[in-house]
Amino acid sequence: MKKIFLLLLAFLSLSANAQNKTFHDFSVKTIDGNDLSLSKFKGKKIMVVNVASKCGLTPQYKQLQALFEKYEDNNFVIIGFPANNFGAQEPGTNSEIKEFCTANYGVTFPMMEKISVKGEDIAPVYKWITQKSENGKEDVEVTWNFQKFLIDENGNWVKSFAPRTSPDDEEIIKWIENK
């Protein structure tokens, strides 16, 4: 009986630890191949977006950059994660993606290396973003490029927005401005 109790206690402890993990607990690689601890963004509101260069929604880069420029001094950051999960719409290398984003949209917000945002090879940070068992809040399937996820200043999952939702949607702006 004591063994069963201890096993149950250990299981509950592991389950609680998974839900206590925050966005800040992850490390990723930047588009330039450098290690980046996401704890660097503690104290900032974060919009995470899976992006692609050859998608009908690619022009959202313009709105994302404008949003970043408007609010970057207000403890807000956008983090782009290129992904090739939908229609092979992000076929380029990290350097090609960086060149495309800079030349066509003047992107200055942080861009990470290309990852998988769904499936068996899903990146750990996106597993946390999309699975309630990891983020403690909600299960969300990434349905297409340019899906948006909001993370609060403490690294907690807040909300997701569909790919076609404009980056400057009224609800997103209110959240950034605390209204």
N, C-alpha and C. Protein backbone atom coordinates (compact mmCIF):
# COMPACT_ATOMS: atom_id res chain seq x y z
N MET A 1 0.83 -1.20 0.00
CA MET A 1 0.00 0.00 0.00
C MET A 1 0.87 1.26 0.00
N LYS A 2 1.93 1.20 0.80
CA LYS A 2 2.82 2.36 0.89
C LYS A 2 3.48 2.61 -0.47
N LYS A 3 3.87 1.55 -1.19
CA LYS A 3 4.49 1.69 -2.51
C LYS A 3 3.52 2.33 -3.49
N ILE A 4 2.28 1.91 -3.44
CA ILE A 4 1.27 2.48 -4.35
C ILE A 4 1.09 3.96 -4.05
N PHE A 5 1.03 4.30 -2.79
CA PHE A 5 0.89 5.70 -2.41
C PHE A 5 2.09 6.53 -2.90
N LEU A 6 3.30 6.00 -2.71
CA LEU A 6 4.49 6.72 -3.16
C LEU A 6 4.54 6.85 -4.68
N LEU A 7 4.12 5.81 -5.40
CA LEU A 7 4.06 5.89 -6.86
C LEU A 7 3.05 6.93 -7.31
N LEU A 8 1.90 6.94 -6.65
CA LEU A 8 0.87 7.92 -6.98
C LEU A 8 1.36 9.34 -6.70
N LEU A 9 2.01 9.51 -5.58
CA LEU A 9 2.57 10.81 -5.22
C LEU A 9 3.62 11.26 -6.24
N ALA A 10 4.48 10.35 -6.66
CA ALA A 10 5.50 10.68 -7.67
C ALA A 10 4.85 11.05 -9.00
N PHE A 11 3.82 10.32 -9.40
CA PHE A 11 3.13 10.62 -10.65
C PHE A 11 2.47 11.99 -10.60
N LEU A 12 1.80 12.30 -9.50
CA LEU A 12 1.15 13.59 -9.35
C LEU A 12 2.18 14.72 -9.35
N SER A 13 3.32 14.47 -8.75
CA SER A 13 4.38 15.47 -8.73
C SER A 13 4.91 15.73 -10.14
N LEU A 14 5.11 14.68 -10.92
CA LEU A 14 5.56 14.83 -12.30
C LEU A 14 4.52 15.57 -13.13
N SER A 15 3.26 15.25 -12.95
CA SER A 15 2.19 15.92 -13.68
C SER A 15 2.14 17.40 -13.34
N ALA A 16 2.28 17.71 -12.08
CA ALA A 16 2.25 19.11 -11.66
C ALA A 16 3.45 19.86 -12.22
N ASN A 17 4.62 19.20 -12.24
CA ASN A 17 5.81 19.86 -12.78
C ASN A 17 5.66 20.18 -14.25
N ALA A 18 5.03 19.30 -15.01
CA ALA A 18 4.83 19.55 -16.44
C ALA A 18 3.96 20.79 -16.63
N GLN A 19 2.94 20.94 -15.81
CA GLN A 19 2.04 22.08 -15.94
C GLN A 19 2.65 23.35 -15.35
N ASN A 20 3.68 23.22 -14.54
CA ASN A 20 4.33 24.40 -13.97
C ASN A 20 5.40 24.97 -14.90
N LYS A 21 5.71 24.26 -15.95
CA LYS A 21 6.70 24.73 -16.91
C LYS A 21 6.14 25.95 -17.64
N THR A 22 7.01 26.91 -17.90
CA THR A 22 6.59 28.10 -18.62
C THR A 22 7.37 28.22 -19.92
N PHE A 23 6.96 29.15 -20.75
CA PHE A 23 7.64 29.44 -22.01
C PHE A 23 9.11 29.78 -21.73
N HIS A 24 9.36 30.43 -20.62
CA HIS A 24 10.71 30.86 -20.26
C HIS A 24 11.64 29.71 -19.94
N ASP A 25 11.12 28.51 -19.75
CA ASP A 25 11.95 27.35 -19.42
C ASP A 25 12.62 26.72 -20.63
N PHE A 26 12.31 27.21 -21.82
CA PHE A 26 12.84 26.61 -23.05
C PHE A 26 14.02 27.40 -23.59
N SER A 27 14.86 26.69 -24.30
CA SER A 27 15.93 27.28 -25.07
C SER A 27 15.73 26.87 -26.52
N VAL A 28 15.99 27.77 -27.42
CA VAL A 28 15.84 27.51 -28.85
C VAL A 28 17.07 28.04 -29.56
N LYS A 29 17.12 27.84 -30.85
CA LYS A 29 18.20 28.41 -31.66
C LYS A 29 17.63 29.55 -32.50
N THR A 30 18.40 30.62 -32.59
CA THR A 30 17.99 31.74 -33.43
C THR A 30 18.20 31.36 -34.89
N ILE A 31 17.69 32.18 -35.77
CA ILE A 31 17.83 31.94 -37.20
C ILE A 31 19.31 31.94 -37.62
N ASP A 32 20.16 32.56 -36.80
CA ASP A 32 21.60 32.59 -37.06
C ASP A 32 22.33 31.40 -36.42
N GLY A 33 21.57 30.51 -35.75
CA GLY A 33 22.17 29.31 -35.17
C GLY A 33 22.69 29.47 -33.76
N ASN A 34 22.39 30.59 -33.12
CA ASN A 34 22.84 30.82 -31.74
C ASN A 34 21.82 30.29 -30.74
N ASP A 35 22.30 29.78 -29.62
CA ASP A 35 21.41 29.34 -28.54
C ASP A 35 20.77 30.56 -27.90
N LEU A 36 19.48 30.43 -27.59
CA LEU A 36 18.75 31.52 -26.95
C LEU A 36 17.83 30.95 -25.88
N SER A 37 18.05 31.38 -24.64
CA SER A 37 17.14 31.01 -23.56
C SER A 37 15.95 31.95 -23.62
N LEU A 38 14.76 31.39 -23.68
CA LEU A 38 13.55 32.22 -23.75
C LEU A 38 13.30 32.96 -22.44
N SER A 39 14.07 32.63 -21.40
CA SER A 39 13.97 33.39 -20.15
C SER A 39 14.45 34.83 -20.38
N LYS A 40 15.14 35.08 -21.48
CA LYS A 40 15.56 36.44 -21.85
C LYS A 40 14.36 37.37 -21.95
N PHE A 41 13.18 36.80 -22.21
CA PHE A 41 11.99 37.60 -22.43
C PHE A 41 11.10 37.72 -21.20
N LYS A 42 11.63 37.33 -20.03
CA LYS A 42 10.86 37.51 -18.79
C LYS A 42 10.51 38.98 -18.64
N GLY A 43 9.27 39.23 -18.23
CA GLY A 43 8.81 40.60 -18.05
C GLY A 43 8.22 41.22 -19.31
N LYS A 44 8.22 40.47 -20.41
CA LYS A 44 7.64 40.97 -21.66
C LYS A 44 6.44 40.13 -22.06
N LYS A 45 5.48 40.78 -22.68
CA LYS A 45 4.40 40.06 -23.33
C LYS A 45 4.95 39.58 -24.66
N ILE A 46 4.59 38.37 -25.05
CA ILE A 46 5.16 37.74 -26.23
C ILE A 46 4.07 37.26 -27.16
N MET A 47 4.25 37.53 -28.45
CA MET A 47 3.42 36.91 -29.47
C MET A 47 4.33 35.95 -30.24
N VAL A 48 3.97 34.68 -30.21
CA VAL A 48 4.70 33.65 -30.94
C VAL A 48 3.91 33.37 -32.22
N VAL A 49 4.62 33.36 -33.36
CA VAL A 49 3.96 33.14 -34.65
C VAL A 49 4.78 32.14 -35.47
N ASN A 50 4.11 31.11 -35.99
CA ASN A 50 4.79 30.23 -36.93
C ASN A 50 4.62 30.85 -38.32
N VAL A 51 5.74 31.10 -38.98
CA VAL A 51 5.75 31.88 -40.21
C VAL A 51 6.22 31.06 -41.40
N ALA A 52 5.91 31.57 -42.60
CA ALA A 52 6.34 30.93 -43.84
C ALA A 52 6.46 31.99 -44.93
N SER A 53 7.44 31.81 -45.81
CA SER A 53 7.76 32.81 -46.83
C SER A 53 6.93 32.71 -48.10
N LYS A 54 6.32 31.56 -48.35
CA LYS A 54 5.61 31.36 -49.62
C LYS A 54 4.14 31.02 -49.38
N CYS A 55 3.53 31.76 -48.49
CA CYS A 55 2.15 31.52 -48.07
C CYS A 55 1.30 32.74 -48.46
N GLY A 56 0.04 32.53 -48.69
CA GLY A 56 -0.86 33.64 -48.97
C GLY A 56 -0.94 34.62 -47.81
N LEU A 57 -0.58 34.18 -46.62
CA LEU A 57 -0.61 35.05 -45.43
C LEU A 57 0.73 35.71 -45.16
N THR A 58 1.73 35.45 -45.98
CA THR A 58 3.07 36.01 -45.78
C THR A 58 3.06 37.54 -45.64
N PRO A 59 2.19 38.27 -46.34
CA PRO A 59 2.16 39.73 -46.13
C PRO A 59 1.90 40.16 -44.69
N GLN A 60 1.47 39.23 -43.82
CA GLN A 60 1.30 39.57 -42.40
C GLN A 60 2.62 39.99 -41.77
N TYR A 61 3.74 39.62 -42.39
CA TYR A 61 5.03 40.08 -41.88
C TYR A 61 5.04 41.60 -41.73
N LYS A 62 4.42 42.30 -42.66
CA LYS A 62 4.39 43.77 -42.61
C LYS A 62 3.67 44.24 -41.34
N GLN A 63 2.52 43.64 -41.05
CA GLN A 63 1.76 44.02 -39.85
C GLN A 63 2.50 43.59 -38.58
N LEU A 64 3.13 42.43 -38.62
CA LEU A 64 3.88 41.96 -37.45
C LEU A 64 5.02 42.93 -37.14
N GLN A 65 5.74 43.35 -38.18
CA GLN A 65 6.86 44.27 -37.97
C GLN A 65 6.36 45.62 -37.44
N ALA A 66 5.26 46.11 -38.00
CA ALA A 66 4.70 47.38 -37.53
C ALA A 66 4.26 47.28 -36.06
N LEU A 67 3.64 46.18 -35.69
CA LEU A 67 3.21 45.95 -34.31
C LEU A 67 4.42 45.91 -33.38
N PHE A 68 5.44 45.19 -33.80
CA PHE A 68 6.67 45.10 -33.01
C PHE A 68 7.29 46.47 -32.80
N GLU A 69 7.40 47.24 -33.86
CA GLU A 69 7.99 48.58 -33.76
C GLU A 69 7.18 49.49 -32.85
N LYS A 70 5.87 49.39 -32.93
CA LYS A 70 5.00 50.25 -32.12
C LYS A 70 5.11 49.93 -30.63
N TYR A 71 5.24 48.64 -30.27
CA TYR A 71 5.16 48.25 -28.86
C TYR A 71 6.43 47.67 -28.26
N GLU A 72 7.52 47.62 -29.02
CA GLU A 72 8.73 47.00 -28.47
C GLU A 72 9.26 47.73 -27.24
N ASP A 73 9.00 49.02 -27.14
CA ASP A 73 9.44 49.77 -25.96
C ASP A 73 8.45 49.65 -24.80
N ASN A 74 7.37 48.91 -25.02
CA ASN A 74 6.35 48.68 -23.97
C ASN A 74 6.38 47.24 -23.49
N ASN A 75 7.57 46.66 -23.43
CA ASN A 75 7.73 45.28 -22.95
C ASN A 75 6.92 44.28 -23.75
N PHE A 76 7.01 44.40 -25.06
CA PHE A 76 6.33 43.47 -25.97
C PHE A 76 7.33 43.01 -27.03
N VAL A 77 7.25 41.73 -27.37
CA VAL A 77 8.11 41.18 -28.41
C VAL A 77 7.34 40.16 -29.23
N ILE A 78 7.70 40.06 -30.48
CA ILE A 78 7.17 39.02 -31.37
C ILE A 78 8.33 38.08 -31.65
N ILE A 79 8.04 36.78 -31.62
CA ILE A 79 9.06 35.79 -31.94
C ILE A 79 8.51 34.94 -33.09
N GLY A 80 9.24 34.95 -34.21
CA GLY A 80 8.85 34.17 -35.38
C GLY A 80 9.56 32.84 -35.42
N PHE A 81 8.78 31.79 -35.68
CA PHE A 81 9.31 30.45 -35.84
C PHE A 81 8.96 29.95 -37.24
N PRO A 82 9.89 30.05 -38.19
CA PRO A 82 9.62 29.51 -39.52
C PRO A 82 9.34 28.01 -39.44
N ALA A 83 8.35 27.57 -40.22
CA ALA A 83 7.98 26.15 -40.22
C ALA A 83 7.53 25.77 -41.63
N ASN A 84 7.84 24.55 -42.01
CA ASN A 84 7.50 24.05 -43.34
C ASN A 84 6.42 22.98 -43.26
N ASN A 85 5.54 23.07 -42.26
CA ASN A 85 4.53 22.03 -42.02
C ASN A 85 3.32 22.11 -42.93
N PHE A 86 3.11 23.22 -43.60
CA PHE A 86 1.88 23.40 -44.36
C PHE A 86 2.19 23.72 -45.82
N GLY A 87 1.91 22.77 -46.69
CA GLY A 87 2.06 22.98 -48.12
C GLY A 87 3.48 23.31 -48.56
N ALA A 88 4.48 22.89 -47.80
CA ALA A 88 5.89 23.15 -48.13
C ALA A 88 6.10 24.64 -48.45
N GLN A 89 5.48 25.51 -47.65
CA GLN A 89 5.52 26.94 -47.92
C GLN A 89 6.69 27.66 -47.25
N GLU A 90 7.56 26.90 -46.60
CA GLU A 90 8.80 27.47 -46.06
C GLU A 90 9.95 26.52 -46.40
N PRO A 91 10.28 26.44 -47.69
CA PRO A 91 11.29 25.48 -48.14
C PRO A 91 12.74 25.93 -47.93
N GLY A 92 12.97 27.21 -47.67
CA GLY A 92 14.32 27.76 -47.63
C GLY A 92 15.13 27.35 -46.42
N THR A 93 16.42 27.65 -46.51
CA THR A 93 17.32 27.47 -45.37
C THR A 93 17.12 28.64 -44.42
N ASN A 94 17.69 28.53 -43.23
CA ASN A 94 17.58 29.64 -42.28
C ASN A 94 18.14 30.94 -42.86
N SER A 95 19.27 30.87 -43.54
CA SER A 95 19.85 32.09 -44.11
C SER A 95 18.98 32.65 -45.23
N GLU A 96 18.37 31.79 -46.03
CA GLU A 96 17.46 32.26 -47.09
C GLU A 96 16.21 32.90 -46.49
N ILE A 97 15.69 32.31 -45.43
CA ILE A 97 14.51 32.87 -44.75
C ILE A 97 14.84 34.25 -44.18
N LYS A 98 15.98 34.35 -43.51
CA LYS A 98 16.39 35.63 -42.93
C LYS A 98 16.52 36.69 -44.02
N GLU A 99 17.16 36.35 -45.11
CA GLU A 99 17.34 37.29 -46.22
C GLU A 99 15.99 37.74 -46.77
N PHE A 100 15.06 36.79 -46.97
CA PHE A 100 13.73 37.10 -47.48
C PHE A 100 13.00 38.07 -46.55
N CYS A 101 13.00 37.77 -45.25
CA CYS A 101 12.27 38.59 -44.28
C CYS A 101 12.86 39.99 -44.17
N THR A 102 14.17 40.09 -44.21
CA THR A 102 14.83 41.38 -44.11
C THR A 102 14.61 42.21 -45.38
N ALA A 103 14.83 41.58 -46.52
CA ALA A 103 14.74 42.32 -47.80
C ALA A 103 13.32 42.74 -48.13
N ASN A 104 12.35 41.89 -47.85
CA ASN A 104 10.97 42.16 -48.27
C ASN A 104 10.11 42.85 -47.22
N TYR A 105 10.42 42.65 -45.94
CA TYR A 105 9.56 43.19 -44.89
C TYR A 105 10.31 43.95 -43.79
N GLY A 106 11.63 44.03 -43.90
CA GLY A 106 12.41 44.76 -42.90
C GLY A 106 12.28 44.19 -41.50
N VAL A 107 12.11 42.87 -41.39
CA VAL A 107 11.87 42.23 -40.10
C VAL A 107 13.06 42.44 -39.16
N THR A 108 12.76 42.97 -37.98
CA THR A 108 13.77 43.13 -36.93
C THR A 108 13.38 42.40 -35.65
N PHE A 109 12.17 41.85 -35.59
CA PHE A 109 11.80 41.09 -34.40
C PHE A 109 12.55 39.76 -34.43
N PRO A 110 12.73 39.12 -33.27
CA PRO A 110 13.52 37.89 -33.22
C PRO A 110 12.92 36.77 -34.07
N MET A 111 13.79 36.19 -34.89
CA MET A 111 13.42 35.03 -35.70
C MET A 111 14.26 33.85 -35.25
N MET A 112 13.61 32.72 -35.10
CA MET A 112 14.29 31.50 -34.68
C MET A 112 14.58 30.62 -35.90
N GLU A 113 15.31 29.54 -35.66
CA GLU A 113 15.58 28.62 -36.75
C GLU A 113 14.30 27.90 -37.15
N LYS A 114 14.30 27.37 -38.35
CA LYS A 114 13.13 26.64 -38.86
C LYS A 114 12.92 25.39 -38.00
N ILE A 115 11.66 25.18 -37.61
CA ILE A 115 11.29 24.05 -36.75
C ILE A 115 10.03 23.39 -37.30
N SER A 116 9.61 22.32 -36.64
CA SER A 116 8.32 21.71 -36.91
C SER A 116 7.36 22.14 -35.80
N VAL A 117 6.15 22.56 -36.19
CA VAL A 117 5.18 23.05 -35.22
C VAL A 117 4.04 22.06 -34.99
N LYS A 118 4.14 20.88 -35.59
CA LYS A 118 3.14 19.83 -35.36
C LYS A 118 3.72 18.50 -35.80
N GLY A 119 3.02 17.43 -35.45
CA GLY A 119 3.45 16.10 -35.86
C GLY A 119 4.44 15.47 -34.89
N GLU A 120 4.98 14.34 -35.31
CA GLU A 120 5.88 13.57 -34.44
C GLU A 120 7.18 14.30 -34.15
N ASP A 121 7.60 15.18 -35.06
CA ASP A 121 8.86 15.90 -34.87
C ASP A 121 8.65 17.33 -34.34
N ILE A 122 7.52 17.56 -33.69
CA ILE A 122 7.21 18.89 -33.15
C ILE A 122 8.32 19.35 -32.20
N ALA A 123 8.70 20.61 -32.33
CA ALA A 123 9.71 21.19 -31.44
C ALA A 123 9.16 21.25 -30.02
N PRO A 124 10.00 21.02 -29.01
CA PRO A 124 9.53 21.04 -27.62
C PRO A 124 8.77 22.30 -27.24
N VAL A 125 9.21 23.47 -27.68
CA VAL A 125 8.52 24.70 -27.32
C VAL A 125 7.11 24.72 -27.92
N TYR A 126 6.94 24.18 -29.11
CA TYR A 126 5.61 24.13 -29.71
C TYR A 126 4.76 23.02 -29.11
N LYS A 127 5.38 21.99 -28.59
CA LYS A 127 4.63 20.98 -27.85
C LYS A 127 4.01 21.65 -26.62
N TRP A 128 4.81 22.48 -25.95
CA TRP A 128 4.30 23.22 -24.78
C TRP A 128 3.19 24.18 -25.20
N ILE A 129 3.40 24.90 -26.29
CA ILE A 129 2.43 25.89 -26.75
C ILE A 129 1.09 25.26 -27.11
N THR A 130 1.10 24.04 -27.64
CA THR A 130 -0.12 23.44 -28.20
C THR A 130 -0.78 22.37 -27.34
N GLN A 131 -0.16 21.96 -26.26
CA GLN A 131 -0.73 20.86 -25.48
C GLN A 131 -1.03 21.27 -24.04
N LYS A 132 -2.28 21.10 -23.65
CA LYS A 132 -2.71 21.45 -22.30
C LYS A 132 -1.89 20.71 -21.24
N SER A 133 -1.53 19.47 -21.53
CA SER A 133 -0.73 18.70 -20.57
C SER A 133 0.63 19.36 -20.32
N GLU A 134 1.06 20.21 -21.25
CA GLU A 134 2.33 20.92 -21.11
C GLU A 134 2.14 22.35 -20.59
N ASN A 135 1.18 23.08 -21.17
CA ASN A 135 1.01 24.51 -20.83
C ASN A 135 0.01 24.75 -19.70
N GLY A 136 -0.75 23.71 -19.35
CA GLY A 136 -1.70 23.84 -18.25
C GLY A 136 -2.96 24.61 -18.57
N LYS A 137 -3.14 25.06 -19.81
CA LYS A 137 -4.28 25.91 -20.15
C LYS A 137 -5.20 25.32 -21.21
N GLU A 138 -4.63 24.97 -22.38
CA GLU A 138 -5.50 24.61 -23.49
C GLU A 138 -4.75 23.79 -24.54
N ASP A 139 -5.48 22.86 -25.16
CA ASP A 139 -4.98 22.16 -26.34
C ASP A 139 -5.36 22.98 -27.56
N VAL A 140 -4.38 23.25 -28.43
CA VAL A 140 -4.64 24.02 -29.65
C VAL A 140 -3.87 23.38 -30.79
N GLU A 141 -4.57 23.03 -31.83
CA GLU A 141 -3.90 22.50 -33.02
C GLU A 141 -3.41 23.67 -33.87
N VAL A 142 -2.17 23.59 -34.33
CA VAL A 142 -1.68 24.59 -35.28
C VAL A 142 -2.27 24.18 -36.63
N THR A 143 -3.10 25.06 -37.19
CA THR A 143 -3.85 24.71 -38.39
C THR A 143 -3.24 25.23 -39.68
N TRP A 144 -2.37 26.26 -39.59
CA TRP A 144 -1.76 26.82 -40.79
C TRP A 144 -0.67 27.78 -40.37
N ASN A 145 0.02 28.33 -41.34
CA ASN A 145 1.04 29.34 -41.09
C ASN A 145 0.41 30.61 -40.51
N PHE A 146 1.17 31.31 -39.73
CA PHE A 146 0.79 32.59 -39.13
C PHE A 146 -0.27 32.47 -38.04
N GLN A 147 -0.31 31.31 -37.35
CA GLN A 147 -1.13 31.19 -36.15
C GLN A 147 -0.39 31.93 -35.04
N LYS A 148 -1.14 32.63 -34.21
CA LYS A 148 -0.54 33.47 -33.19
C LYS A 148 -0.87 32.95 -31.79
N PHE A 149 0.13 33.03 -30.91
CA PHE A 149 -0.04 32.60 -29.51
C PHE A 149 0.48 33.72 -28.62
N LEU A 150 -0.30 34.05 -27.61
CA LEU A 150 0.10 35.10 -26.66
C LEU A 150 0.60 34.46 -25.38
N ILE A 151 1.72 34.98 -24.91
CA ILE A 151 2.38 34.51 -23.70
C ILE A 151 2.55 35.72 -22.79
N ASP A 152 2.19 35.58 -21.51
CA ASP A 152 2.28 36.75 -20.61
C ASP A 152 3.71 36.97 -20.11
N GLU A 153 3.88 38.01 -19.32
CA GLU A 153 5.19 38.42 -18.82
C GLU A 153 5.87 37.35 -17.98
N ASN A 154 5.09 36.45 -17.41
CA ASN A 154 5.64 35.38 -16.57
C ASN A 154 5.86 34.08 -17.35
N GLY A 155 5.64 34.12 -18.66
CA GLY A 155 5.86 32.94 -19.48
C GLY A 155 4.68 31.99 -19.53
N ASN A 156 3.51 32.45 -19.10
CA ASN A 156 2.32 31.61 -19.11
C ASN A 156 1.53 31.79 -20.41
N TRP A 157 0.97 30.70 -20.87
CA TRP A 157 0.14 30.68 -22.07
C TRP A 157 -1.13 31.48 -21.80
N VAL A 158 -1.51 32.35 -22.73
CA VAL A 158 -2.69 33.19 -22.55
C VAL A 158 -3.79 32.84 -23.54
N LYS A 159 -3.49 32.87 -24.84
CA LYS A 159 -4.54 32.70 -25.84
C LYS A 159 -3.90 32.42 -27.20
N SER A 160 -4.70 31.83 -28.07
CA SER A 160 -4.24 31.64 -29.46
C SER A 160 -5.22 32.34 -30.40
N PHE A 161 -4.70 32.69 -31.57
CA PHE A 161 -5.50 33.32 -32.61
C PHE A 161 -5.27 32.60 -33.92
N ALA A 162 -6.33 32.45 -34.69
CA ALA A 162 -6.28 31.77 -35.98
C ALA A 162 -5.32 32.47 -36.94
N PRO A 163 -4.78 31.73 -37.90
CA PRO A 163 -3.84 32.31 -38.85
C PRO A 163 -4.33 33.56 -39.57
N ARG A 164 -5.60 33.60 -39.93
CA ARG A 164 -6.11 34.77 -40.68
C ARG A 164 -6.38 35.98 -39.79
N THR A 165 -6.31 35.82 -38.47
CA THR A 165 -6.49 36.96 -37.57
C THR A 165 -5.34 37.93 -37.79
N SER A 166 -5.67 39.17 -38.00
CA SER A 166 -4.65 40.19 -38.22
C SER A 166 -3.79 40.36 -36.97
N PRO A 167 -2.49 40.52 -37.14
CA PRO A 167 -1.63 40.75 -35.96
C PRO A 167 -2.05 41.96 -35.14
N ASP A 168 -2.70 42.93 -35.78
CA ASP A 168 -3.14 44.12 -35.04
C ASP A 168 -4.63 44.09 -34.73
N ASP A 169 -5.16 42.89 -34.57
CA ASP A 169 -6.55 42.70 -34.17
C ASP A 169 -6.82 43.46 -32.86
N GLU A 170 -8.01 43.99 -32.74
CA GLU A 170 -8.38 44.80 -31.57
C GLU A 170 -8.14 44.07 -30.24
N GLU A 171 -8.48 42.79 -30.19
CA GLU A 171 -8.29 42.03 -28.95
C GLU A 171 -6.81 41.89 -28.60
N ILE A 172 -5.98 41.71 -29.60
CA ILE A 172 -4.53 41.62 -29.37
C ILE A 172 -3.99 42.95 -28.87
N ILE A 173 -4.41 44.04 -29.50
CA ILE A 173 -3.95 45.38 -29.09
C ILE A 173 -4.38 45.66 -27.65
N LYS A 174 -5.62 45.34 -27.30
CA LYS A 174 -6.09 45.56 -25.93
C LYS A 174 -5.24 44.78 -24.94
N TRP A 175 -4.88 43.54 -25.31
CA TRP A 175 -4.06 42.72 -24.42
C TRP A 175 -2.67 43.35 -24.24
N ILE A 176 -2.07 43.79 -25.33
CA ILE A 176 -0.75 44.43 -25.24
C ILE A 176 -0.83 45.68 -24.38
N GLU A 177 -1.87 46.47 -24.56
CA GLU A 177 -2.01 47.74 -23.84
C GLU A 177 -2.67 47.60 -22.47
N ASN A 178 -3.00 46.37 -22.08
CA ASN A 178 -3.67 46.10 -20.79
C ASN A 178 -5.02 46.77 -20.66
N LYS A 179 -5.81 46.79 -21.73
CA LYS A 179 -7.12 47.43 -21.68
C LYS A 179 -8.22 46.40 -21.62
